[in-house]
Amino acid sequence: MKRTKVSFSSGGLVLEGILTIPEVAGPFPAVIICHPHPLYGGSMDNNVVYSLSEKLTQASLASLKFNFRGVGGSQGEFGQGIGEREDVEAAISFVSTVKGVDSKRIGLAGYSAGAGFALPAGFNDDRIKALAAVSPPIPMFDFDFLKICPKPKLLISGSRDELIPINQFLEFCQNLPEPKECESIEGADHFWWGYESILSVKVTAFFTKVL
C-alpha cells in the first residue's frame, strides 16, 4: 500500500490527512474515515481509525483519514460541529479529485462523534454512495435523518458501550429503512480496545459489498 501525507483546504483553513492507496492497478473505491471528538483527544491516529484504514487498503479500497480543524497539524480551532461538517465536505471534494480513486464509488465512515459530524454531510451529498457509523452517539447527536436515508448504511456498536445503551442503539436501528446493516459486537465498549480487528473486518466487508 502507498501511504501519502496530504493537505486540503476547508473554509480557508488547511487540514492534514493521510491518503492510503493499494499498490495494484486502480481506480479504487475510497472511504473517508472521520475521527472521534476533537475536544476529547480524537485524532486520525485513533486506534479504530488506524485499524479501519489498514483493513480497507488490504481489501483494495483507498482510504483517507484526516484531522479535523484544530487537531494535530490542521489549522483552526474546534468549530462546534458546524466547522467539522464543513471539513467533511472538503474531504469529500478532495478525495473526488484524487488520481486512482473512482469518484463514483466513495463511502463515508465516522467513529463516535465523527459519525455525528460526517453522516449529515454524506446524507445529502450525491458523491457519497454509502455510510457507516461506528459507535454513533445517538443520545448526543441527531441521527433522525437516517430514517429517510435511501443509501446503504451500516451502524455498529459494542454491547458494553457506556455512552450508547445497547437497547437504545438497537431500537434506533429497527426504525431505519433498507438497505441497512446493524451490528452489536458482544463485549466491545465505546473504545474498541482489543476488538479493532473484528470491527474493521465488518466495516470493510460492508464497503466492499456496496461500493
N, C-alpha and C. Protein backbone atom coordinates (compact mmCIF):
# COMPACT_ATOMS: atom_id res chain seq x y z
N MET A 1 0.83 -1.19 0.00
CA MET A 1 0.00 0.00 0.00
C MET A 1 0.88 1.25 0.00
N LYS A 2 0.38 2.29 -0.62
CA LYS A 2 1.11 3.56 -0.70
C LYS A 2 0.44 4.56 0.23
N ARG A 3 1.19 5.02 1.23
CA ARG A 3 0.67 5.95 2.23
C ARG A 3 1.28 7.32 2.01
N THR A 4 0.44 8.34 1.81
CA THR A 4 0.92 9.67 1.46
C THR A 4 0.32 10.72 2.39
N LYS A 5 1.16 11.61 2.92
CA LYS A 5 0.65 12.75 3.68
C LYS A 5 0.07 13.76 2.69
N VAL A 6 -1.13 14.22 2.98
CA VAL A 6 -1.79 15.15 2.07
C VAL A 6 -2.32 16.34 2.87
N SER A 7 -2.67 17.39 2.16
CA SER A 7 -3.33 18.55 2.77
C SER A 7 -4.39 19.05 1.81
N PHE A 8 -5.44 19.61 2.36
CA PHE A 8 -6.51 20.18 1.55
C PHE A 8 -7.17 21.31 2.32
N SER A 9 -7.84 22.18 1.61
CA SER A 9 -8.41 23.37 2.25
C SER A 9 -9.86 23.14 2.66
N SER A 10 -10.23 23.80 3.75
CA SER A 10 -11.61 23.76 4.25
C SER A 10 -11.94 25.11 4.85
N GLY A 11 -12.76 25.88 4.16
CA GLY A 11 -13.17 27.18 4.68
C GLY A 11 -12.02 28.11 4.99
N GLY A 12 -11.01 28.10 4.16
CA GLY A 12 -9.85 28.97 4.38
C GLY A 12 -8.78 28.37 5.27
N LEU A 13 -9.04 27.21 5.83
CA LEU A 13 -8.05 26.51 6.66
C LEU A 13 -7.41 25.39 5.85
N VAL A 14 -6.22 24.99 6.26
CA VAL A 14 -5.56 23.85 5.64
C VAL A 14 -5.57 22.69 6.63
N LEU A 15 -6.12 21.56 6.18
CA LEU A 15 -6.21 20.37 7.02
C LEU A 15 -5.19 19.33 6.55
N GLU A 16 -4.71 18.53 7.49
CA GLU A 16 -3.77 17.47 7.16
C GLU A 16 -4.48 16.12 7.16
N GLY A 17 -3.96 15.21 6.34
CA GLY A 17 -4.53 13.89 6.28
C GLY A 17 -3.53 12.88 5.77
N ILE A 18 -3.93 11.63 5.76
CA ILE A 18 -3.11 10.56 5.19
C ILE A 18 -3.99 9.79 4.21
N LEU A 19 -3.53 9.74 2.99
CA LEU A 19 -4.21 9.01 1.92
C LEU A 19 -3.48 7.69 1.71
N THR A 20 -4.21 6.61 1.78
CA THR A 20 -3.62 5.28 1.58
C THR A 20 -4.29 4.62 0.38
N ILE A 21 -3.45 4.20 -0.58
CA ILE A 21 -3.96 3.62 -1.81
C ILE A 21 -3.26 2.30 -2.07
N PRO A 22 -3.99 1.26 -2.45
CA PRO A 22 -3.35 -0.02 -2.79
C PRO A 22 -2.35 0.16 -3.93
N GLU A 23 -1.34 -0.69 -3.97
CA GLU A 23 -0.30 -0.55 -4.98
C GLU A 23 -0.55 -1.35 -6.24
N VAL A 24 -1.72 -1.99 -6.33
CA VAL A 24 -2.09 -2.65 -7.58
C VAL A 24 -2.82 -1.63 -8.45
N ALA A 25 -3.18 -2.04 -9.66
CA ALA A 25 -3.79 -1.12 -10.60
C ALA A 25 -5.19 -0.69 -10.14
N GLY A 26 -5.50 0.60 -10.29
CA GLY A 26 -6.79 1.17 -9.92
C GLY A 26 -7.64 1.41 -11.17
N PRO A 27 -8.65 2.27 -11.10
CA PRO A 27 -9.00 3.08 -9.93
C PRO A 27 -9.76 2.27 -8.86
N PHE A 28 -9.71 2.80 -7.64
CA PHE A 28 -10.27 2.11 -6.48
C PHE A 28 -11.46 2.86 -5.90
N PRO A 29 -12.41 2.14 -5.30
CA PRO A 29 -13.35 2.80 -4.41
C PRO A 29 -12.58 3.38 -3.24
N ALA A 30 -13.14 4.39 -2.60
CA ALA A 30 -12.45 5.04 -1.49
C ALA A 30 -13.41 5.26 -0.34
N VAL A 31 -12.85 5.24 0.87
CA VAL A 31 -13.64 5.51 2.08
C VAL A 31 -12.95 6.61 2.88
N ILE A 32 -13.71 7.62 3.24
CA ILE A 32 -13.22 8.69 4.12
C ILE A 32 -13.58 8.31 5.55
N ILE A 33 -12.58 8.39 6.44
CA ILE A 33 -12.77 7.98 7.84
C ILE A 33 -12.65 9.21 8.74
N CYS A 34 -13.67 9.45 9.56
CA CYS A 34 -13.71 10.64 10.42
C CYS A 34 -13.53 10.25 11.88
N HIS A 35 -12.59 10.89 12.53
CA HIS A 35 -12.18 10.51 13.89
C HIS A 35 -13.11 11.03 14.97
N PRO A 36 -12.95 10.56 16.21
CA PRO A 36 -13.82 10.97 17.32
C PRO A 36 -13.63 12.44 17.71
N HIS A 37 -14.35 12.85 18.74
CA HIS A 37 -14.48 14.25 19.11
C HIS A 37 -13.12 14.91 19.38
N PRO A 38 -12.85 16.04 18.70
CA PRO A 38 -11.56 16.72 18.87
C PRO A 38 -11.29 17.19 20.30
N LEU A 39 -12.32 17.52 21.05
CA LEU A 39 -12.12 18.05 22.40
C LEU A 39 -11.85 16.96 23.43
N TYR A 40 -11.95 15.71 23.02
CA TYR A 40 -11.72 14.59 23.94
C TYR A 40 -10.61 13.67 23.44
N GLY A 41 -9.66 14.27 22.73
CA GLY A 41 -8.48 13.52 22.31
C GLY A 41 -8.60 12.81 20.98
N GLY A 42 -9.70 13.01 20.27
CA GLY A 42 -9.88 12.35 18.99
C GLY A 42 -8.93 12.89 17.93
N SER A 43 -8.36 11.99 17.14
CA SER A 43 -7.50 12.38 16.02
C SER A 43 -7.45 11.23 15.03
N MET A 44 -6.80 11.50 13.89
CA MET A 44 -6.69 10.44 12.88
C MET A 44 -5.75 9.32 13.31
N ASP A 45 -5.05 9.50 14.44
CA ASP A 45 -4.18 8.45 14.97
C ASP A 45 -4.92 7.50 15.90
N ASN A 46 -6.21 7.72 16.08
CA ASN A 46 -7.04 6.87 16.93
C ASN A 46 -6.94 5.40 16.52
N ASN A 47 -7.06 4.50 17.49
CA ASN A 47 -6.90 3.07 17.22
C ASN A 47 -7.92 2.52 16.22
N VAL A 48 -9.17 2.97 16.32
CA VAL A 48 -10.20 2.49 15.41
C VAL A 48 -9.97 3.04 14.00
N VAL A 49 -9.65 4.31 13.91
CA VAL A 49 -9.40 4.94 12.61
C VAL A 49 -8.22 4.26 11.92
N TYR A 50 -7.16 4.02 12.67
CA TYR A 50 -5.97 3.37 12.12
C TYR A 50 -6.31 1.97 11.60
N SER A 51 -7.01 1.21 12.41
CA SER A 51 -7.35 -0.16 12.03
C SER A 51 -8.24 -0.20 10.79
N LEU A 52 -9.21 0.70 10.72
CA LEU A 52 -10.09 0.76 9.55
C LEU A 52 -9.30 1.08 8.28
N SER A 53 -8.42 2.05 8.37
CA SER A 53 -7.63 2.45 7.21
C SER A 53 -6.80 1.28 6.69
N GLU A 54 -6.14 0.57 7.61
CA GLU A 54 -5.30 -0.55 7.22
C GLU A 54 -6.11 -1.66 6.56
N LYS A 55 -7.24 -2.01 7.15
CA LYS A 55 -8.03 -3.12 6.64
C LYS A 55 -8.66 -2.78 5.29
N LEU A 56 -9.11 -1.55 5.13
CA LEU A 56 -9.70 -1.14 3.85
C LEU A 56 -8.69 -1.28 2.72
N THR A 57 -7.46 -0.84 2.98
CA THR A 57 -6.45 -0.89 1.92
C THR A 57 -6.07 -2.33 1.60
N GLN A 58 -6.03 -3.18 2.61
CA GLN A 58 -5.75 -4.60 2.37
C GLN A 58 -6.80 -5.22 1.46
N ALA A 59 -8.01 -4.66 1.50
CA ALA A 59 -9.11 -5.16 0.67
C ALA A 59 -9.21 -4.42 -0.66
N SER A 60 -8.17 -3.68 -1.01
CA SER A 60 -8.08 -2.93 -2.28
C SER A 60 -9.07 -1.78 -2.37
N LEU A 61 -9.29 -1.12 -1.23
CA LEU A 61 -10.02 0.14 -1.20
C LEU A 61 -9.05 1.23 -0.75
N ALA A 62 -9.15 2.39 -1.35
CA ALA A 62 -8.37 3.54 -0.88
C ALA A 62 -9.04 4.11 0.37
N SER A 63 -8.25 4.81 1.19
CA SER A 63 -8.84 5.45 2.37
C SER A 63 -8.18 6.79 2.62
N LEU A 64 -8.97 7.71 3.15
CA LEU A 64 -8.45 8.99 3.62
C LEU A 64 -8.85 9.16 5.08
N LYS A 65 -7.87 9.33 5.94
CA LYS A 65 -8.14 9.77 7.31
C LYS A 65 -7.53 11.15 7.44
N PHE A 66 -8.15 12.01 8.22
CA PHE A 66 -7.67 13.38 8.33
C PHE A 66 -7.98 13.93 9.71
N ASN A 67 -7.29 14.99 10.08
CA ASN A 67 -7.56 15.65 11.34
C ASN A 67 -8.51 16.82 11.12
N PHE A 68 -9.58 16.83 11.90
CA PHE A 68 -10.48 17.98 11.88
C PHE A 68 -9.73 19.25 12.26
N ARG A 69 -10.30 20.38 11.94
CA ARG A 69 -9.70 21.68 12.27
C ARG A 69 -9.32 21.75 13.75
N GLY A 70 -8.10 22.26 13.99
CA GLY A 70 -7.62 22.42 15.36
C GLY A 70 -6.98 21.18 15.96
N VAL A 71 -6.92 20.09 15.19
CA VAL A 71 -6.33 18.84 15.69
C VAL A 71 -5.01 18.60 14.97
N GLY A 72 -3.96 18.25 15.73
CA GLY A 72 -2.67 17.96 15.12
C GLY A 72 -2.16 19.12 14.29
N GLY A 73 -1.82 18.84 13.04
CA GLY A 73 -1.30 19.86 12.14
C GLY A 73 -2.37 20.58 11.34
N SER A 74 -3.65 20.31 11.59
CA SER A 74 -4.72 21.01 10.89
C SER A 74 -4.96 22.38 11.52
N GLN A 75 -5.10 23.37 10.69
CA GLN A 75 -5.27 24.74 11.16
C GLN A 75 -6.64 24.94 11.81
N GLY A 76 -6.75 26.05 12.56
CA GLY A 76 -8.03 26.47 13.12
C GLY A 76 -8.28 25.95 14.51
N GLU A 77 -9.53 25.99 14.91
CA GLU A 77 -9.96 25.52 16.23
C GLU A 77 -11.31 24.84 16.10
N PHE A 78 -11.71 24.17 17.15
CA PHE A 78 -12.96 23.42 17.13
C PHE A 78 -14.12 24.29 16.64
N GLY A 79 -14.90 23.76 15.69
CA GLY A 79 -15.95 24.54 15.04
C GLY A 79 -17.35 24.23 15.50
N GLN A 80 -17.51 23.69 16.72
CA GLN A 80 -18.83 23.41 17.30
C GLN A 80 -19.68 22.50 16.44
N GLY A 81 -19.03 21.63 15.68
CA GLY A 81 -19.75 20.70 14.82
C GLY A 81 -20.05 21.25 13.44
N ILE A 82 -20.26 22.57 13.36
CA ILE A 82 -20.55 23.20 12.06
C ILE A 82 -19.30 23.21 11.20
N GLY A 83 -18.18 23.63 11.78
CA GLY A 83 -16.92 23.62 11.06
C GLY A 83 -16.49 22.23 10.68
N GLU A 84 -16.75 21.28 11.58
CA GLU A 84 -16.35 19.91 11.31
C GLU A 84 -17.13 19.32 10.13
N ARG A 85 -18.39 19.69 10.02
CA ARG A 85 -19.16 19.22 8.88
C ARG A 85 -18.60 19.82 7.58
N GLU A 86 -18.17 21.05 7.66
CA GLU A 86 -17.51 21.69 6.52
C GLU A 86 -16.22 20.94 6.16
N ASP A 87 -15.50 20.48 7.18
CA ASP A 87 -14.28 19.71 6.94
C ASP A 87 -14.58 18.41 6.21
N VAL A 88 -15.67 17.77 6.59
CA VAL A 88 -16.08 16.53 5.92
C VAL A 88 -16.38 16.80 4.45
N GLU A 89 -17.12 17.86 4.19
CA GLU A 89 -17.45 18.21 2.81
C GLU A 89 -16.19 18.49 2.00
N ALA A 90 -15.20 19.15 2.65
CA ALA A 90 -13.93 19.42 1.97
C ALA A 90 -13.18 18.13 1.68
N ALA A 91 -13.24 17.18 2.61
CA ALA A 91 -12.57 15.90 2.41
C ALA A 91 -13.20 15.13 1.25
N ILE A 92 -14.52 15.20 1.13
CA ILE A 92 -15.21 14.55 0.02
C ILE A 92 -14.76 15.16 -1.30
N SER A 93 -14.71 16.48 -1.35
CA SER A 93 -14.27 17.16 -2.58
C SER A 93 -12.84 16.78 -2.93
N PHE A 94 -11.99 16.69 -1.92
CA PHE A 94 -10.58 16.33 -2.16
C PHE A 94 -10.47 14.92 -2.71
N VAL A 95 -11.10 13.96 -2.04
CA VAL A 95 -10.99 12.56 -2.47
C VAL A 95 -11.54 12.38 -3.88
N SER A 96 -12.57 13.14 -4.22
CA SER A 96 -13.21 13.01 -5.54
C SER A 96 -12.25 13.35 -6.67
N THR A 97 -11.19 14.10 -6.36
CA THR A 97 -10.26 14.53 -7.40
C THR A 97 -8.95 13.74 -7.40
N VAL A 98 -8.80 12.80 -6.47
CA VAL A 98 -7.53 12.06 -6.35
C VAL A 98 -7.37 11.07 -7.49
N LYS A 99 -6.21 11.12 -8.14
CA LYS A 99 -5.91 10.17 -9.19
C LYS A 99 -5.82 8.77 -8.59
N GLY A 100 -6.49 7.83 -9.22
CA GLY A 100 -6.51 6.47 -8.70
C GLY A 100 -7.75 6.14 -7.91
N VAL A 101 -8.58 7.16 -7.62
CA VAL A 101 -9.85 6.94 -6.91
C VAL A 101 -11.00 7.00 -7.90
N ASP A 102 -11.90 6.05 -7.79
CA ASP A 102 -13.12 6.05 -8.59
C ASP A 102 -14.12 6.99 -7.93
N SER A 103 -14.31 8.17 -8.51
CA SER A 103 -15.13 9.21 -7.88
C SER A 103 -16.60 8.83 -7.79
N LYS A 104 -16.99 7.75 -8.48
CA LYS A 104 -18.38 7.30 -8.40
C LYS A 104 -18.59 6.23 -7.33
N ARG A 105 -17.51 5.90 -6.60
CA ARG A 105 -17.60 4.87 -5.55
C ARG A 105 -16.88 5.35 -4.30
N ILE A 106 -17.48 6.31 -3.62
CA ILE A 106 -16.89 6.86 -2.40
C ILE A 106 -17.84 6.61 -1.23
N GLY A 107 -17.28 6.08 -0.14
CA GLY A 107 -18.03 5.85 1.08
C GLY A 107 -17.53 6.76 2.19
N LEU A 108 -18.33 6.88 3.24
CA LEU A 108 -18.01 7.76 4.36
C LEU A 108 -18.25 7.03 5.67
N ALA A 109 -17.23 7.01 6.52
CA ALA A 109 -17.34 6.35 7.82
C ALA A 109 -16.99 7.34 8.93
N GLY A 110 -17.73 7.27 10.02
CA GLY A 110 -17.42 8.11 11.18
C GLY A 110 -17.47 7.28 12.44
N TYR A 111 -16.54 7.56 13.33
CA TYR A 111 -16.47 6.86 14.61
C TYR A 111 -16.85 7.82 15.73
N SER A 112 -17.81 7.42 16.54
CA SER A 112 -18.29 8.21 17.67
C SER A 112 -18.76 9.58 17.18
N ALA A 113 -18.24 10.67 17.75
CA ALA A 113 -18.66 12.00 17.30
C ALA A 113 -18.35 12.22 15.83
N GLY A 114 -17.34 11.50 15.32
CA GLY A 114 -17.04 11.60 13.90
C GLY A 114 -18.22 11.21 13.04
N ALA A 115 -19.03 10.26 13.52
CA ALA A 115 -20.25 9.89 12.81
C ALA A 115 -21.28 11.02 12.88
N GLY A 116 -21.32 11.69 14.03
CA GLY A 116 -22.24 12.82 14.19
C GLY A 116 -21.90 13.98 13.28
N PHE A 117 -20.61 14.17 13.02
CA PHE A 117 -20.18 15.23 12.11
C PHE A 117 -20.31 14.81 10.65
N ALA A 118 -19.97 13.55 10.37
CA ALA A 118 -19.81 13.11 8.98
C ALA A 118 -21.13 12.76 8.30
N LEU A 119 -21.96 11.96 8.97
CA LEU A 119 -23.12 11.41 8.27
C LEU A 119 -24.10 12.47 7.78
N PRO A 120 -24.35 13.57 8.52
CA PRO A 120 -25.24 14.59 7.95
C PRO A 120 -24.69 15.19 6.66
N ALA A 121 -23.37 15.27 6.55
CA ALA A 121 -22.77 15.80 5.32
C ALA A 121 -22.90 14.79 4.19
N GLY A 122 -22.67 13.51 4.48
CA GLY A 122 -22.74 12.49 3.45
C GLY A 122 -24.15 12.16 3.01
N PHE A 123 -25.11 12.38 3.90
CA PHE A 123 -26.51 12.07 3.61
C PHE A 123 -27.01 12.81 2.37
N ASN A 124 -26.64 14.08 2.26
CA ASN A 124 -27.15 14.92 1.17
C ASN A 124 -26.18 15.06 0.01
N ASP A 125 -25.06 14.38 0.05
CA ASP A 125 -24.04 14.52 -0.98
C ASP A 125 -24.11 13.34 -1.94
N ASP A 126 -24.43 13.61 -3.20
CA ASP A 126 -24.59 12.54 -4.18
C ASP A 126 -23.29 11.80 -4.46
N ARG A 127 -22.16 12.40 -4.10
CA ARG A 127 -20.87 11.73 -4.32
C ARG A 127 -20.65 10.59 -3.33
N ILE A 128 -21.37 10.62 -2.22
CA ILE A 128 -21.24 9.57 -1.20
C ILE A 128 -22.28 8.50 -1.45
N LYS A 129 -21.81 7.27 -1.67
CA LYS A 129 -22.71 6.17 -2.04
C LYS A 129 -23.11 5.29 -0.86
N ALA A 130 -22.36 5.35 0.26
CA ALA A 130 -22.66 4.51 1.41
C ALA A 130 -22.12 5.15 2.67
N LEU A 131 -22.78 4.86 3.80
CA LEU A 131 -22.44 5.46 5.09
C LEU A 131 -22.23 4.39 6.14
N ALA A 132 -21.24 4.62 7.01
CA ALA A 132 -21.02 3.71 8.14
C ALA A 132 -20.83 4.52 9.41
N ALA A 133 -21.53 4.14 10.46
CA ALA A 133 -21.42 4.80 11.75
C ALA A 133 -20.93 3.78 12.78
N VAL A 134 -19.75 4.03 13.32
CA VAL A 134 -19.19 3.17 14.36
C VAL A 134 -19.43 3.85 15.71
N SER A 135 -20.11 3.15 16.60
CA SER A 135 -20.46 3.70 17.92
C SER A 135 -21.11 5.08 17.80
N PRO A 136 -22.16 5.21 17.00
CA PRO A 136 -22.78 6.53 16.84
C PRO A 136 -23.40 6.99 18.16
N PRO A 137 -23.03 8.18 18.64
CA PRO A 137 -23.55 8.66 19.93
C PRO A 137 -24.98 9.19 19.80
N ILE A 138 -25.89 8.26 19.66
CA ILE A 138 -27.29 8.60 19.40
C ILE A 138 -27.89 9.53 20.47
N PRO A 139 -27.53 9.38 21.76
CA PRO A 139 -28.11 10.30 22.75
C PRO A 139 -27.60 11.74 22.62
N MET A 140 -26.48 11.95 21.92
CA MET A 140 -25.84 13.27 21.89
C MET A 140 -25.96 14.00 20.55
N PHE A 141 -26.27 13.27 19.49
CA PHE A 141 -26.41 13.86 18.16
C PHE A 141 -27.76 13.47 17.58
N ASP A 142 -28.23 14.28 16.64
CA ASP A 142 -29.49 13.97 15.95
C ASP A 142 -29.19 13.14 14.71
N PHE A 143 -29.54 11.87 14.75
CA PHE A 143 -29.35 10.98 13.61
C PHE A 143 -30.67 10.65 12.92
N ASP A 144 -31.72 11.40 13.21
CA ASP A 144 -33.04 11.06 12.68
C ASP A 144 -33.09 11.13 11.15
N PHE A 145 -32.19 11.89 10.54
CA PHE A 145 -32.18 11.98 9.08
C PHE A 145 -31.94 10.61 8.43
N LEU A 146 -31.32 9.68 9.19
CA LEU A 146 -31.09 8.35 8.65
C LEU A 146 -32.40 7.59 8.42
N LYS A 147 -33.46 8.04 9.07
CA LYS A 147 -34.74 7.36 8.91
C LYS A 147 -35.37 7.61 7.54
N ILE A 148 -34.79 8.54 6.78
CA ILE A 148 -35.26 8.76 5.40
C ILE A 148 -34.09 8.63 4.42
N CYS A 149 -33.05 7.95 4.85
CA CYS A 149 -31.85 7.83 4.02
C CYS A 149 -31.93 6.58 3.14
N PRO A 150 -31.91 6.75 1.81
CA PRO A 150 -32.01 5.59 0.92
C PRO A 150 -30.68 4.92 0.63
N LYS A 151 -29.59 5.49 1.12
CA LYS A 151 -28.27 4.93 0.82
C LYS A 151 -27.97 3.71 1.69
N PRO A 152 -27.13 2.80 1.21
CA PRO A 152 -26.69 1.70 2.07
C PRO A 152 -26.01 2.25 3.32
N LYS A 153 -26.36 1.68 4.47
CA LYS A 153 -25.82 2.22 5.72
C LYS A 153 -25.54 1.08 6.69
N LEU A 154 -24.43 1.23 7.39
CA LEU A 154 -24.02 0.28 8.43
C LEU A 154 -23.93 1.03 9.74
N LEU A 155 -24.58 0.50 10.77
CA LEU A 155 -24.43 1.01 12.12
C LEU A 155 -23.91 -0.13 12.98
N ILE A 156 -22.84 0.14 13.72
CA ILE A 156 -22.22 -0.92 14.50
C ILE A 156 -21.77 -0.35 15.84
N SER A 157 -22.05 -1.09 16.91
CA SER A 157 -21.73 -0.62 18.25
C SER A 157 -21.37 -1.82 19.13
N GLY A 158 -20.74 -1.54 20.25
CA GLY A 158 -20.37 -2.59 21.18
C GLY A 158 -21.45 -2.82 22.21
N SER A 159 -21.59 -4.06 22.65
CA SER A 159 -22.64 -4.40 23.61
C SER A 159 -22.38 -3.75 24.97
N ARG A 160 -21.12 -3.39 25.23
CA ARG A 160 -20.78 -2.77 26.51
C ARG A 160 -20.46 -1.29 26.38
N ASP A 161 -20.95 -0.68 25.31
CA ASP A 161 -20.71 0.75 25.12
C ASP A 161 -21.38 1.55 26.23
N GLU A 162 -20.56 2.29 26.99
CA GLU A 162 -21.09 3.02 28.14
C GLU A 162 -21.76 4.33 27.75
N LEU A 163 -21.56 4.78 26.51
CA LEU A 163 -22.17 6.03 26.06
C LEU A 163 -23.47 5.81 25.30
N ILE A 164 -23.64 4.63 24.74
CA ILE A 164 -24.81 4.33 23.93
C ILE A 164 -25.45 3.04 24.44
N PRO A 165 -26.48 3.13 25.25
CA PRO A 165 -27.13 1.91 25.73
C PRO A 165 -27.54 1.03 24.55
N ILE A 166 -27.19 -0.25 24.64
CA ILE A 166 -27.38 -1.14 23.50
C ILE A 166 -28.85 -1.25 23.11
N ASN A 167 -29.75 -1.17 24.07
CA ASN A 167 -31.18 -1.24 23.74
C ASN A 167 -31.61 -0.03 22.91
N GLN A 168 -31.07 1.13 23.27
CA GLN A 168 -31.38 2.34 22.52
C GLN A 168 -30.82 2.26 21.10
N PHE A 169 -29.62 1.73 20.98
CA PHE A 169 -28.99 1.57 19.67
C PHE A 169 -29.83 0.64 18.79
N LEU A 170 -30.22 -0.50 19.32
CA LEU A 170 -30.96 -1.48 18.53
C LEU A 170 -32.36 -0.97 18.16
N GLU A 171 -32.98 -0.25 19.08
CA GLU A 171 -34.29 0.31 18.78
C GLU A 171 -34.21 1.33 17.65
N PHE A 172 -33.16 2.16 17.69
CA PHE A 172 -32.97 3.14 16.62
C PHE A 172 -32.78 2.44 15.28
N CYS A 173 -31.98 1.39 15.28
CA CYS A 173 -31.70 0.66 14.05
C CYS A 173 -32.96 0.05 13.45
N GLN A 174 -33.85 -0.40 14.30
CA GLN A 174 -35.08 -1.04 13.82
C GLN A 174 -35.92 -0.07 12.98
N ASN A 175 -35.80 1.22 13.26
CA ASN A 175 -36.62 2.22 12.59
C ASN A 175 -35.99 2.77 11.32
N LEU A 176 -34.86 2.21 10.90
CA LEU A 176 -34.19 2.70 9.70
C LEU A 176 -34.66 1.92 8.47
N PRO A 177 -34.72 2.61 7.32
CA PRO A 177 -35.14 1.92 6.10
C PRO A 177 -34.02 1.09 5.50
N GLU A 178 -34.37 0.12 4.71
CA GLU A 178 -33.38 -0.62 3.93
C GLU A 178 -32.84 0.30 2.82
N PRO A 179 -31.65 0.01 2.31
CA PRO A 179 -30.73 -1.04 2.75
C PRO A 179 -29.96 -0.63 4.00
N LYS A 180 -29.86 -1.55 4.95
CA LYS A 180 -29.17 -1.26 6.20
C LYS A 180 -28.55 -2.52 6.75
N GLU A 181 -27.51 -2.34 7.52
CA GLU A 181 -26.93 -3.41 8.32
C GLU A 181 -26.68 -2.84 9.71
N CYS A 182 -27.12 -3.55 10.73
CA CYS A 182 -26.92 -3.11 12.11
C CYS A 182 -26.30 -4.26 12.90
N GLU A 183 -25.23 -3.94 13.61
CA GLU A 183 -24.49 -4.98 14.33
C GLU A 183 -24.15 -4.53 15.74
N SER A 184 -24.28 -5.45 16.67
CA SER A 184 -23.80 -5.25 18.04
C SER A 184 -22.69 -6.27 18.27
N ILE A 185 -21.51 -5.79 18.65
CA ILE A 185 -20.37 -6.68 18.87
C ILE A 185 -20.28 -7.00 20.37
N GLU A 186 -20.49 -8.25 20.70
CA GLU A 186 -20.52 -8.68 22.09
C GLU A 186 -19.18 -8.43 22.77
N GLY A 187 -19.23 -7.72 23.91
CA GLY A 187 -18.05 -7.50 24.72
C GLY A 187 -17.31 -6.20 24.47
N ALA A 188 -17.54 -5.57 23.32
CA ALA A 188 -16.82 -4.33 22.99
C ALA A 188 -17.44 -3.14 23.70
N ASP A 189 -16.59 -2.21 24.15
CA ASP A 189 -17.09 -0.96 24.72
C ASP A 189 -16.92 0.16 23.70
N HIS A 190 -17.02 1.40 24.14
CA HIS A 190 -17.01 2.53 23.20
C HIS A 190 -15.65 2.71 22.52
N PHE A 191 -14.60 2.21 23.15
CA PHE A 191 -13.25 2.48 22.66
C PHE A 191 -12.66 1.35 21.83
N TRP A 192 -13.29 0.19 21.85
CA TRP A 192 -12.95 -0.93 20.97
C TRP A 192 -11.57 -1.53 21.20
N TRP A 193 -10.94 -1.27 22.32
CA TRP A 193 -9.62 -1.87 22.57
C TRP A 193 -9.74 -3.38 22.57
N GLY A 194 -8.92 -4.03 21.74
CA GLY A 194 -8.95 -5.48 21.62
C GLY A 194 -9.97 -6.00 20.62
N TYR A 195 -10.82 -5.12 20.12
CA TYR A 195 -11.86 -5.52 19.17
C TYR A 195 -11.69 -4.81 17.82
N GLU A 196 -10.57 -4.12 17.65
CA GLU A 196 -10.37 -3.34 16.42
C GLU A 196 -10.42 -4.21 15.17
N SER A 197 -9.84 -5.40 15.24
CA SER A 197 -9.79 -6.26 14.05
C SER A 197 -11.18 -6.75 13.66
N ILE A 198 -11.96 -7.19 14.65
CA ILE A 198 -13.33 -7.64 14.38
C ILE A 198 -14.13 -6.51 13.75
N LEU A 199 -14.01 -5.32 14.31
CA LEU A 199 -14.74 -4.16 13.81
C LEU A 199 -14.33 -3.83 12.38
N SER A 200 -13.03 -3.73 12.15
CA SER A 200 -12.55 -3.29 10.83
C SER A 200 -12.89 -4.30 9.74
N VAL A 201 -12.90 -5.58 10.08
CA VAL A 201 -13.30 -6.60 9.10
C VAL A 201 -14.75 -6.40 8.69
N LYS A 202 -15.63 -6.14 9.65
CA LYS A 202 -17.05 -5.98 9.34
C LYS A 202 -17.31 -4.70 8.54
N VAL A 203 -16.65 -3.61 8.91
CA VAL A 203 -16.85 -2.35 8.18
C VAL A 203 -16.29 -2.47 6.76
N THR A 204 -15.14 -3.10 6.63
CA THR A 204 -14.54 -3.29 5.31
C THR A 204 -15.40 -4.17 4.43
N ALA A 205 -15.95 -5.23 4.99
CA ALA A 205 -16.84 -6.12 4.22
C ALA A 205 -18.06 -5.36 3.71
N PHE A 206 -18.58 -4.47 4.53
CA PHE A 206 -19.74 -3.66 4.12
C PHE A 206 -19.38 -2.79 2.92
N PHE A 207 -18.28 -2.05 3.04
CA PHE A 207 -17.93 -1.15 1.93
C PHE A 207 -17.52 -1.91 0.68
N THR A 208 -16.86 -3.05 0.85
CA THR A 208 -16.51 -3.88 -0.32
C THR A 208 -17.75 -4.32 -1.07
N LYS A 209 -18.81 -4.59 -0.33
CA LYS A 209 -20.05 -5.08 -0.92
C LYS A 209 -20.83 -3.98 -1.63
N VAL A 210 -20.86 -2.79 -1.04
CA VAL A 210 -21.79 -1.76 -1.54
C VAL A 210 -21.14 -0.73 -2.46
N LEU A 211 -19.81 -0.68 -2.49
CA LEU A 211 -19.15 0.30 -3.36
C LEU A 211 -18.72 -0.32 -4.69
